[in-house]
Amino acid sequence: MPNNRGALRHRVLKRGSIDFNGGAIDCVIRNISETGAALEVTSPVGIPETFNLVIPSDHTNRPCRVAWRRERRIGVRFT
């Protein structure tokens, strides 16, 4: 199966937070690259198209745009 991603993703298991409009939703980062990530969430309902992904263990805060949504996962591109 071909990989159409712009950058190689690395499997991880990190705690993260989807921050938007003064609110936050916890997530688990399942894979990440220089250009994006796959996030596991309880439900993708209510998550906006753009938000900041906060990764406390890396001390990072990355602006994101949703690329795809599935039942309990969302794919994001870093903007």
N, C-alpha and C. Protein backbone atom coordinates (compact mmCIF):
# COMPACT_ATOMS: atom_id res chain seq x y z
N MET A 1 0.84 -1.17 0.00
CA MET A 1 0.00 0.00 0.00
C MET A 1 0.90 1.25 0.00
N PRO A 2 0.71 2.18 -0.93
CA PRO A 2 1.57 3.36 -0.99
C PRO A 2 1.29 4.33 0.15
N ASN A 3 2.33 5.05 0.56
CA ASN A 3 2.22 6.06 1.60
C ASN A 3 2.24 7.41 0.92
N ASN A 4 1.11 8.13 0.94
CA ASN A 4 1.00 9.42 0.25
C ASN A 4 1.31 10.60 1.16
N ARG A 5 1.79 10.36 2.34
CA ARG A 5 2.09 11.44 3.26
C ARG A 5 3.35 12.18 2.81
N GLY A 6 3.39 13.47 3.20
CA GLY A 6 4.54 14.28 2.86
C GLY A 6 5.77 13.98 3.70
N ALA A 7 5.58 13.38 4.87
CA ALA A 7 6.70 13.09 5.77
C ALA A 7 6.43 11.77 6.49
N LEU A 8 7.49 11.08 6.83
CA LEU A 8 7.39 9.81 7.53
C LEU A 8 6.84 10.02 8.94
N ARG A 9 5.82 9.25 9.30
CA ARG A 9 5.24 9.35 10.64
C ARG A 9 5.87 8.33 11.56
N HIS A 10 6.01 8.71 12.82
CA HIS A 10 6.57 7.83 13.85
C HIS A 10 5.49 7.48 14.85
N ARG A 11 5.38 6.19 15.16
CA ARG A 11 4.41 5.75 16.16
C ARG A 11 4.83 6.26 17.53
N VAL A 12 3.87 6.82 18.24
CA VAL A 12 4.10 7.32 19.59
C VAL A 12 2.86 7.03 20.42
N LEU A 13 2.97 7.25 21.69
CA LEU A 13 1.84 7.13 22.60
C LEU A 13 2.02 8.25 23.62
N LYS A 14 1.56 9.45 23.24
CA LYS A 14 1.75 10.63 24.07
C LYS A 14 0.41 11.26 24.40
N ARG A 15 0.36 11.83 25.58
CA ARG A 15 -0.83 12.58 26.01
C ARG A 15 -0.80 13.94 25.33
N GLY A 16 -1.97 14.39 24.88
CA GLY A 16 -2.07 15.70 24.26
C GLY A 16 -3.39 16.36 24.63
N SER A 17 -3.52 17.59 24.17
CA SER A 17 -4.73 18.36 24.43
C SER A 17 -5.09 19.15 23.18
N ILE A 18 -6.35 19.08 22.79
CA ILE A 18 -6.87 19.84 21.66
C ILE A 18 -7.47 21.11 22.26
N ASP A 19 -6.80 22.24 22.04
CA ASP A 19 -7.21 23.52 22.64
C ASP A 19 -7.85 24.42 21.60
N PHE A 20 -9.02 24.98 21.95
CA PHE A 20 -9.72 25.88 21.04
C PHE A 20 -10.71 26.73 21.82
N ASN A 21 -10.85 27.98 21.45
CA ASN A 21 -11.84 28.91 22.02
C ASN A 21 -11.95 28.83 23.53
N GLY A 22 -10.84 28.70 24.23
CA GLY A 22 -10.86 28.65 25.69
C GLY A 22 -11.21 27.30 26.27
N GLY A 23 -11.48 26.30 25.42
CA GLY A 23 -11.79 24.95 25.89
C GLY A 23 -10.68 23.99 25.51
N ALA A 24 -10.77 22.78 26.04
CA ALA A 24 -9.76 21.77 25.74
C ALA A 24 -10.39 20.38 25.79
N ILE A 25 -9.90 19.50 24.92
CA ILE A 25 -10.32 18.10 24.88
C ILE A 25 -9.05 17.25 24.93
N ASP A 26 -9.02 16.29 25.84
CA ASP A 26 -7.86 15.40 25.95
C ASP A 26 -7.81 14.47 24.75
N CYS A 27 -6.58 14.10 24.37
CA CYS A 27 -6.39 13.16 23.27
C CYS A 27 -5.12 12.36 23.52
N VAL A 28 -4.95 11.31 22.71
CA VAL A 28 -3.72 10.54 22.71
C VAL A 28 -3.14 10.64 21.31
N ILE A 29 -1.89 11.03 21.22
CA ILE A 29 -1.20 11.15 19.94
C ILE A 29 -0.67 9.75 19.60
N ARG A 30 -1.15 9.20 18.49
CA ARG A 30 -0.78 7.83 18.10
C ARG A 30 0.38 7.78 17.12
N ASN A 31 0.47 8.79 16.24
CA ASN A 31 1.64 8.92 15.38
C ASN A 31 1.82 10.39 15.04
N ILE A 32 3.07 10.75 14.69
CA ILE A 32 3.38 12.15 14.45
C ILE A 32 4.52 12.26 13.45
N SER A 33 4.52 13.36 12.70
CA SER A 33 5.61 13.67 11.76
C SER A 33 5.82 15.17 11.80
N GLU A 34 6.68 15.65 10.93
CA GLU A 34 6.91 17.09 10.82
C GLU A 34 5.68 17.81 10.27
N THR A 35 4.83 17.09 9.53
CA THR A 35 3.70 17.74 8.86
C THR A 35 2.33 17.46 9.47
N GLY A 36 2.22 16.47 10.36
CA GLY A 36 0.91 16.15 10.91
C GLY A 36 0.94 15.05 11.94
N ALA A 37 -0.27 14.62 12.35
CA ALA A 37 -0.38 13.60 13.40
C ALA A 37 -1.74 12.92 13.31
N ALA A 38 -1.84 11.76 13.96
CA ALA A 38 -3.11 11.06 14.15
C ALA A 38 -3.41 11.09 15.63
N LEU A 39 -4.61 11.54 15.97
CA LEU A 39 -5.02 11.70 17.36
C LEU A 39 -6.18 10.79 17.68
N GLU A 40 -6.11 10.14 18.82
CA GLU A 40 -7.22 9.31 19.30
C GLU A 40 -8.01 10.15 20.29
N VAL A 41 -9.33 10.19 20.09
CA VAL A 41 -10.22 10.98 20.94
C VAL A 41 -11.41 10.12 21.37
N THR A 42 -12.06 10.53 22.43
CA THR A 42 -13.27 9.83 22.86
C THR A 42 -14.34 9.93 21.79
N SER A 43 -14.49 11.14 21.24
CA SER A 43 -15.43 11.39 20.15
C SER A 43 -14.95 12.60 19.36
N PRO A 44 -15.01 12.55 18.03
CA PRO A 44 -14.60 13.72 17.25
C PRO A 44 -15.66 14.81 17.20
N VAL A 45 -16.84 14.55 17.76
CA VAL A 45 -17.93 15.52 17.74
C VAL A 45 -17.53 16.75 18.56
N GLY A 46 -17.72 17.90 17.99
CA GLY A 46 -17.43 19.15 18.68
C GLY A 46 -16.01 19.65 18.51
N ILE A 47 -15.16 18.87 17.86
CA ILE A 47 -13.80 19.33 17.60
C ILE A 47 -13.83 20.18 16.33
N PRO A 48 -13.38 21.43 16.42
CA PRO A 48 -13.44 22.31 15.25
C PRO A 48 -12.42 21.94 14.18
N GLU A 49 -12.54 22.56 13.02
CA GLU A 49 -11.63 22.28 11.90
C GLU A 49 -10.21 22.76 12.18
N THR A 50 -10.05 23.80 12.98
CA THR A 50 -8.72 24.30 13.34
C THR A 50 -8.62 24.42 14.85
N PHE A 51 -7.45 24.12 15.38
CA PHE A 51 -7.21 24.18 16.82
C PHE A 51 -5.71 24.11 17.08
N ASN A 52 -5.31 24.22 18.33
CA ASN A 52 -3.92 24.05 18.74
C ASN A 52 -3.76 22.70 19.41
N LEU A 53 -2.75 21.95 19.00
CA LEU A 53 -2.42 20.68 19.64
C LEU A 53 -1.31 20.94 20.64
N VAL A 54 -1.60 20.72 21.91
CA VAL A 54 -0.63 20.92 22.98
C VAL A 54 -0.08 19.55 23.38
N ILE A 55 1.26 19.44 23.38
CA ILE A 55 1.93 18.20 23.79
C ILE A 55 2.80 18.53 24.99
N PRO A 56 2.28 18.31 26.22
CA PRO A 56 3.01 18.71 27.42
C PRO A 56 4.40 18.09 27.55
N SER A 57 4.56 16.83 27.18
CA SER A 57 5.86 16.17 27.35
C SER A 57 6.95 16.78 26.45
N ASP A 58 6.54 17.40 25.34
CA ASP A 58 7.49 18.03 24.41
C ASP A 58 7.54 19.54 24.57
N HIS A 59 6.66 20.08 25.43
CA HIS A 59 6.53 21.52 25.62
C HIS A 59 6.23 22.22 24.30
N THR A 60 5.32 21.61 23.51
CA THR A 60 4.98 22.18 22.21
C THR A 60 3.50 22.52 22.12
N ASN A 61 3.22 23.48 21.25
CA ASN A 61 1.87 23.93 20.97
C ASN A 61 1.81 24.18 19.46
N ARG A 62 1.16 23.27 18.71
CA ARG A 62 1.17 23.33 17.25
C ARG A 62 -0.22 23.66 16.70
N PRO A 63 -0.36 24.70 15.89
CA PRO A 63 -1.63 24.96 15.22
C PRO A 63 -1.90 23.86 14.19
N CYS A 64 -3.17 23.41 14.12
CA CYS A 64 -3.55 22.28 13.27
C CYS A 64 -4.81 22.57 12.47
N ARG A 65 -4.96 21.80 11.40
CA ARG A 65 -6.21 21.75 10.62
C ARG A 65 -6.56 20.28 10.44
N VAL A 66 -7.83 19.94 10.64
CA VAL A 66 -8.29 18.55 10.51
C VAL A 66 -8.23 18.13 9.04
N ALA A 67 -7.59 16.98 8.78
CA ALA A 67 -7.50 16.42 7.43
C ALA A 67 -8.55 15.34 7.22
N TRP A 68 -8.84 14.56 8.25
CA TRP A 68 -9.84 13.50 8.17
C TRP A 68 -10.37 13.17 9.56
N ARG A 69 -11.54 12.57 9.62
CA ARG A 69 -12.17 12.15 10.87
C ARG A 69 -12.69 10.73 10.73
N ARG A 70 -12.51 9.95 11.77
CA ARG A 70 -13.09 8.60 11.85
C ARG A 70 -13.78 8.48 13.19
N GLU A 71 -14.25 7.31 13.52
CA GLU A 71 -15.03 7.13 14.75
C GLU A 71 -14.33 7.66 15.99
N ARG A 72 -13.08 7.27 16.23
CA ARG A 72 -12.37 7.73 17.43
C ARG A 72 -11.00 8.34 17.12
N ARG A 73 -10.78 8.64 15.85
CA ARG A 73 -9.49 9.23 15.47
C ARG A 73 -9.69 10.41 14.52
N ILE A 74 -8.77 11.34 14.60
CA ILE A 74 -8.73 12.41 13.62
C ILE A 74 -7.28 12.57 13.15
N GLY A 75 -7.14 12.89 11.89
CA GLY A 75 -5.84 13.19 11.32
C GLY A 75 -5.71 14.69 11.18
N VAL A 76 -4.57 15.25 11.51
CA VAL A 76 -4.37 16.69 11.42
C VAL A 76 -3.10 17.01 10.63
N ARG A 77 -3.14 18.18 9.99
CA ARG A 77 -1.96 18.76 9.35
C ARG A 77 -1.54 19.94 10.18
N PHE A 78 -0.25 20.07 10.42
CA PHE A 78 0.25 21.23 11.14
C PHE A 78 0.26 22.42 10.18
N THR A 79 -0.20 23.57 10.68
CA THR A 79 -0.27 24.76 9.83
C THR A 79 0.76 25.79 10.23
